[in-house]
Amino acid sequence: MKFSLKNKIAIVTGGGSGIGKAISKTFAEQGAYVHILEMDSDNAKITKNEIESNGGLAEVHQCNVANQEDVVKVIHNISKKGSINILINNAGIAHIGNVENTPEADLDRVYSVNVKGVYNCIFATIPHMKKNGGVILNMASIASSVGLNDRFAYSMSKGATLTMTYSVAKDYINYGIRCNCMSPARIHTPFVDGFLKNNYPGKEAEMFEKLSKTQPIGRMGKPQEVADLALYLCSDEASFITGTDFPIDGGFIKLNG
């Protein structure tokens, strides 16, 4: 079977909802033993149950990726079950605002999850992967590469994710560790629906259409489409790929303007 992850241990941060949920379920379907790291363990348990009802293997670990001690402990416990083969750094938070209206506390909050959280998980996982190799896949964004209005803190954090990817790929290539990242444009997740409901009450459909059309392809992406790209990049079929960013953006980066 192509893109098989049989007998591989995969860690997915933020794996209980949205894109992370699609990745967790897809990887489990391909044979991986999926370990979901989530702050919201309730969502993660629902995902775990869905995986197990389909014959897959999954465990849930309540974990704050911004807390290094917490992350190191959880990943050490996972390593006792076998070699860690895949790390998906998917957990992240959003923020709207330019540099003038981004309070220091909000900048710190975004940094702690989107930058330090990625660092913490790589820091904790690399020593285990150095023994047998592995794959690290980080969730960047189109905001890593192009300017977006009112996304100062978010863009900062995703730019850091992109350059962390390059650095780790370079430093650990001789250990058989591959490191890449994906840069989605807008993906239709429950987060998007909640954002529209909270910020544009009564105009949800109108704003959804407007946001969809910012992608030249004319729609938002689907979580499953991102999960399928993640599957390829973490499979043995992608063994020649490292140190690369993969836009999955409906043409946003290259075709806008």
Protein backbone atom coordinates (compact mmCIF):
# COMPACT_ATOMS: atom_id res chain seq x y z
CA MET A 1 0.00 0.00 0.00
CA LYS A 2 1.40 3.36 -1.01
CA PHE A 3 1.81 5.99 1.74
CA SER A 4 1.63 3.30 4.42
CA LEU A 5 2.45 4.38 7.98
CA LYS A 6 2.08 0.89 9.40
CA ASN A 7 3.91 0.35 12.70
CA LYS A 8 4.92 4.02 12.90
CA ILE A 9 4.36 6.23 15.93
CA ALA A 10 3.07 9.69 15.04
CA ILE A 11 2.62 12.66 17.36
CA VAL A 12 0.07 15.29 16.29
CA THR A 13 -0.18 18.47 18.35
CA GLY A 14 -3.60 20.06 18.23
CA GLY A 15 -4.79 16.78 16.78
CA GLY A 16 -8.30 16.86 18.20
CA SER A 17 -9.99 19.33 15.87
CA GLY A 18 -9.83 21.00 12.47
CA ILE A 19 -6.78 20.23 10.36
CA GLY A 20 -5.18 18.31 13.23
CA LYS A 21 -8.17 16.00 13.48
CA ALA A 22 -8.06 15.28 9.75
CA ILE A 23 -4.35 14.49 10.02
CA SER A 24 -4.84 12.25 13.07
CA LYS A 25 -7.61 10.23 11.41
CA THR A 26 -5.80 9.96 8.06
CA PHE A 27 -2.56 8.80 9.64
CA ALA A 28 -4.41 6.23 11.74
CA GLU A 29 -6.18 4.93 8.64
CA GLN A 30 -2.75 4.39 7.08
CA GLY A 31 -1.61 2.32 10.05
CA ALA A 32 0.09 4.82 12.36
CA TYR A 33 -0.24 4.70 16.13
CA VAL A 34 -1.36 8.30 16.65
CA HIS A 35 -0.64 10.25 19.81
CA ILE A 36 -2.75 13.39 20.07
CA LEU A 37 -1.39 16.25 22.19
CA GLU A 38 -4.16 18.67 23.10
CA MET A 39 -5.09 21.28 25.67
CA ASP A 40 -8.75 20.39 25.08
CA SER A 41 -8.74 16.71 25.88
CA ASP A 42 -12.51 16.43 25.33
CA ASN A 43 -12.20 17.13 21.60
CA ALA A 44 -9.19 14.85 21.42
CA LYS A 45 -11.10 11.99 23.05
CA ILE A 46 -13.84 12.31 20.42
CA THR A 47 -11.21 12.04 17.70
CA LYS A 48 -9.63 9.06 19.46
CA ASN A 49 -13.00 7.30 19.62
CA GLU A 50 -13.60 7.91 15.92
CA ILE A 51 -10.18 6.49 15.09
CA GLU A 52 -10.70 3.40 17.24
CA SER A 53 -14.18 2.79 15.84
CA ASN A 54 -12.52 2.58 12.44
CA GLY A 55 -9.97 0.03 13.66
CA GLY A 56 -7.12 2.48 14.28
CA LEU A 57 -4.85 3.16 17.24
CA ALA A 58 -4.76 6.45 19.13
CA GLU A 59 -3.95 7.91 22.52
CA VAL A 60 -4.71 11.30 24.00
CA HIS A 61 -2.25 13.31 26.07
CA GLN A 62 -3.39 16.54 27.69
CA CYS A 63 -0.48 18.85 27.10
CA ASN A 64 0.29 22.55 26.92
CA VAL A 65 2.88 22.83 24.13
CA ALA A 66 3.99 26.20 25.55
CA ASN A 67 5.24 24.44 28.70
CA GLN A 68 8.55 22.71 28.01
CA GLU A 69 8.51 20.56 31.14
CA ASP A 70 5.06 19.29 30.22
CA VAL A 71 6.08 18.55 26.62
CA VAL A 72 9.31 16.75 27.55
CA LYS A 73 7.47 14.53 30.03
CA VAL A 74 4.71 13.58 27.58
CA ILE A 75 7.06 12.85 24.70
CA HIS A 76 9.36 10.82 26.95
CA ASN A 77 6.38 8.68 27.97
CA ILE A 78 5.39 8.19 24.32
CA SER A 79 8.94 7.10 23.48
CA LYS A 80 8.58 4.19 25.91
CA LYS A 81 6.07 2.64 23.48
CA GLY A 82 8.61 2.54 20.62
CA SER A 83 10.54 4.76 18.23
CA ILE A 84 8.91 8.10 17.50
CA ASN A 85 8.77 8.29 13.71
CA ILE A 86 6.68 11.39 12.99
CA LEU A 87 6.07 14.74 14.68
CA ILE A 88 3.35 17.04 13.34
CA ASN A 89 3.56 20.52 14.87
CA ASN A 90 0.00 21.60 14.15
CA ALA A 91 -1.12 23.32 17.38
CA GLY A 92 -1.48 27.06 16.96
CA ILE A 93 -3.56 30.13 17.73
CA ALA A 94 -4.60 33.13 15.65
CA HIS A 95 -4.53 36.87 16.29
CA ILE A 96 -5.89 39.87 14.41
CA GLY A 97 -4.17 43.24 14.57
CA ASN A 98 -1.32 45.38 13.26
CA VAL A 99 1.77 46.36 15.24
CA GLU A 100 0.05 49.35 16.86
CA ASN A 101 -2.98 47.52 18.19
CA THR A 102 -1.24 44.30 19.21
CA PRO A 103 -0.71 44.45 23.00
CA GLU A 104 2.44 42.92 24.40
CA ALA A 105 0.38 40.28 26.21
CA ASP A 106 -1.19 39.13 22.94
CA LEU A 107 2.18 39.01 21.19
CA ASP A 108 3.55 36.89 24.05
CA ARG A 109 0.52 34.58 23.92
CA VAL A 110 0.90 33.96 20.18
CA TYR A 111 4.66 33.49 20.55
CA SER A 112 4.29 31.02 23.42
CA VAL A 113 2.12 28.64 21.37
CA ASN A 114 3.07 29.19 17.72
CA VAL A 115 6.82 29.62 18.15
CA LYS A 116 7.85 28.27 21.54
CA GLY A 117 5.35 25.41 21.23
CA VAL A 118 6.94 24.25 17.97
CA TYR A 119 10.41 24.63 19.48
CA ASN A 120 9.42 22.70 22.63
CA CYS A 121 8.07 19.74 20.67
CA ILE A 122 11.10 19.58 18.37
CA PHE A 123 13.44 20.01 21.35
CA ALA A 124 11.79 17.09 23.14
CA THR A 125 11.51 14.80 20.10
CA ILE A 126 14.86 15.23 18.34
CA PRO A 127 16.90 13.22 20.88
CA HIS A 128 14.61 10.22 20.30
CA MET A 129 14.60 10.62 16.51
CA LYS A 130 18.40 10.84 16.33
CA LYS A 131 18.53 7.11 17.05
CA ASN A 132 16.50 5.91 14.07
CA GLY A 133 15.64 8.96 11.97
CA GLY A 134 12.18 10.41 11.48
CA VAL A 135 10.03 13.14 9.97
CA ILE A 136 9.07 16.52 11.42
CA LEU A 137 6.31 18.45 9.68
CA ASN A 138 5.50 21.98 10.84
CA MET A 139 2.35 23.95 10.13
CA ALA A 140 3.39 27.28 8.68
CA SER A 141 1.06 29.54 6.67
CA ILE A 142 0.87 31.73 3.59
CA ALA A 143 1.52 34.45 6.20
CA SER A 144 5.08 33.08 6.40
CA SER A 145 5.77 34.25 2.86
CA VAL A 146 3.43 37.14 1.97
CA GLY A 147 2.04 40.17 3.75
CA LEU A 148 -1.49 39.89 5.14
CA ASN A 149 -3.47 42.82 6.53
CA ASP A 150 -3.82 42.91 10.33
CA ARG A 151 -1.91 39.71 11.00
CA PHE A 152 1.23 41.13 12.62
CA ALA A 153 1.68 38.68 15.53
CA TYR A 154 0.42 35.69 13.56
CA SER A 155 2.71 36.43 10.61
CA MET A 156 5.65 36.83 12.98
CA SER A 157 4.99 33.43 14.47
CA LYS A 158 4.52 31.62 11.17
CA GLY A 159 7.63 33.24 9.71
CA ALA A 160 9.51 31.78 12.65
CA THR A 161 7.97 28.36 11.94
CA LEU A 162 9.23 28.52 8.36
CA THR A 163 12.80 29.40 9.33
CA MET A 164 12.85 26.85 12.18
CA THR A 165 11.99 24.27 9.54
CA TYR A 166 15.00 25.22 7.42
CA SER A 167 17.32 25.24 10.43
CA VAL A 168 16.26 21.83 11.75
CA ALA A 169 16.40 20.27 8.28
CA LYS A 170 19.97 21.51 7.86
CA ASP A 171 21.21 20.53 11.33
CA TYR A 172 19.80 17.00 11.39
CA ILE A 173 19.96 15.76 7.81
CA ASN A 174 22.86 13.47 8.70
CA TYR A 175 20.74 11.78 11.38
CA GLY A 176 18.14 10.68 8.85
CA ILE A 177 15.66 13.30 10.08
CA ARG A 178 13.61 15.13 7.47
CA CYS A 179 11.92 18.43 8.31
CA ASN A 180 9.43 20.24 6.10
CA CYS A 181 6.50 22.60 6.53
CA MET A 182 3.16 23.29 4.89
CA SER A 183 1.69 26.73 4.26
CA PRO A 184 -2.09 26.62 3.98
CA ALA A 185 -4.26 29.53 2.91
CA ARG A 186 -7.77 29.66 4.39
CA ILE A 187 -9.04 26.21 5.30
CA HIS A 188 -12.70 25.68 6.21
CA THR A 189 -12.61 24.45 9.80
CA PRO A 190 -14.91 24.94 12.81
CA PHE A 191 -12.57 27.78 13.81
CA VAL A 192 -13.57 29.73 10.68
CA ASP A 193 -17.27 29.22 11.39
CA GLY A 194 -16.80 30.39 14.99
CA PHE A 195 -14.78 33.41 13.86
CA LEU A 196 -17.50 34.49 11.45
CA LYS A 197 -20.26 33.95 14.01
CA ASN A 198 -18.47 36.02 16.65
CA ASN A 199 -17.26 38.84 14.41
CA TYR A 200 -19.91 39.08 11.70
CA PRO A 201 -23.26 38.07 13.25
CA GLY A 202 -25.97 37.96 10.60
CA LYS A 203 -23.42 38.31 7.81
CA GLU A 204 -21.76 34.91 8.09
CA ALA A 205 -22.68 33.72 4.58
CA GLU A 206 -21.62 36.99 2.97
CA MET A 207 -18.24 37.02 4.73
CA PHE A 208 -17.67 33.32 4.06
CA GLU A 209 -18.09 33.99 0.35
CA LYS A 210 -15.76 36.98 0.51
CA LEU A 211 -13.05 35.05 2.35
CA SER A 212 -13.43 32.11 -0.02
CA LYS A 213 -12.78 34.32 -3.03
CA THR A 214 -9.45 35.56 -1.68
CA GLN A 215 -8.08 32.24 -2.95
CA PRO A 216 -7.74 32.45 -6.77
CA ILE A 217 -9.19 28.95 -7.03
CA GLY A 218 -12.43 30.40 -5.63
CA ARG A 219 -12.92 28.47 -2.39
CA MET A 220 -11.37 27.61 0.93
CA GLY A 221 -9.36 24.45 1.31
CA LYS A 222 -10.62 21.37 3.13
CA PRO A 223 -8.89 19.88 6.19
CA GLN A 224 -8.69 16.54 4.37
CA GLU A 225 -6.72 18.14 1.53
CA VAL A 226 -4.12 19.36 4.01
CA ALA A 227 -4.09 15.97 5.73
CA ASP A 228 -3.44 14.21 2.42
CA LEU A 229 -0.43 16.44 1.72
CA ALA A 230 0.82 15.78 5.25
CA LEU A 231 0.46 12.05 4.66
CA TYR A 232 2.61 12.20 1.54
CA LEU A 233 5.31 14.33 3.20
CA CYS A 234 5.53 11.96 6.18
CA SER A 235 5.53 8.78 4.12
CA ASP A 236 8.53 6.88 2.80
CA GLU A 237 7.50 7.95 -0.70
CA ALA A 238 8.70 11.47 0.21
CA SER A 239 12.10 10.29 1.47
CA PHE A 240 13.96 12.65 -0.91
CA ILE A 241 12.20 15.77 0.42
CA THR A 242 13.54 17.90 3.26
CA GLY A 243 14.02 21.58 4.08
CA THR A 244 11.06 22.65 1.94
CA ASP A 245 7.88 24.66 2.41
CA PHE A 246 4.77 23.39 0.62
CA PRO A 247 2.06 26.01 -0.03
CA ILE A 248 -1.43 24.54 -0.16
CA ASP A 249 -3.24 27.74 -0.95
CA GLY A 250 -5.48 27.60 -4.02
CA GLY A 251 -2.94 29.77 -5.86
CA PHE A 252 -2.86 32.53 -3.22
CA ILE A 253 0.89 33.15 -3.08
CA LYS A 254 1.69 33.03 -6.79
CA LEU A 255 -1.53 34.09 -8.48
CA ASN A 256 -2.82 37.02 -6.41
CA GLY A 257 -1.96 40.43 -7.81
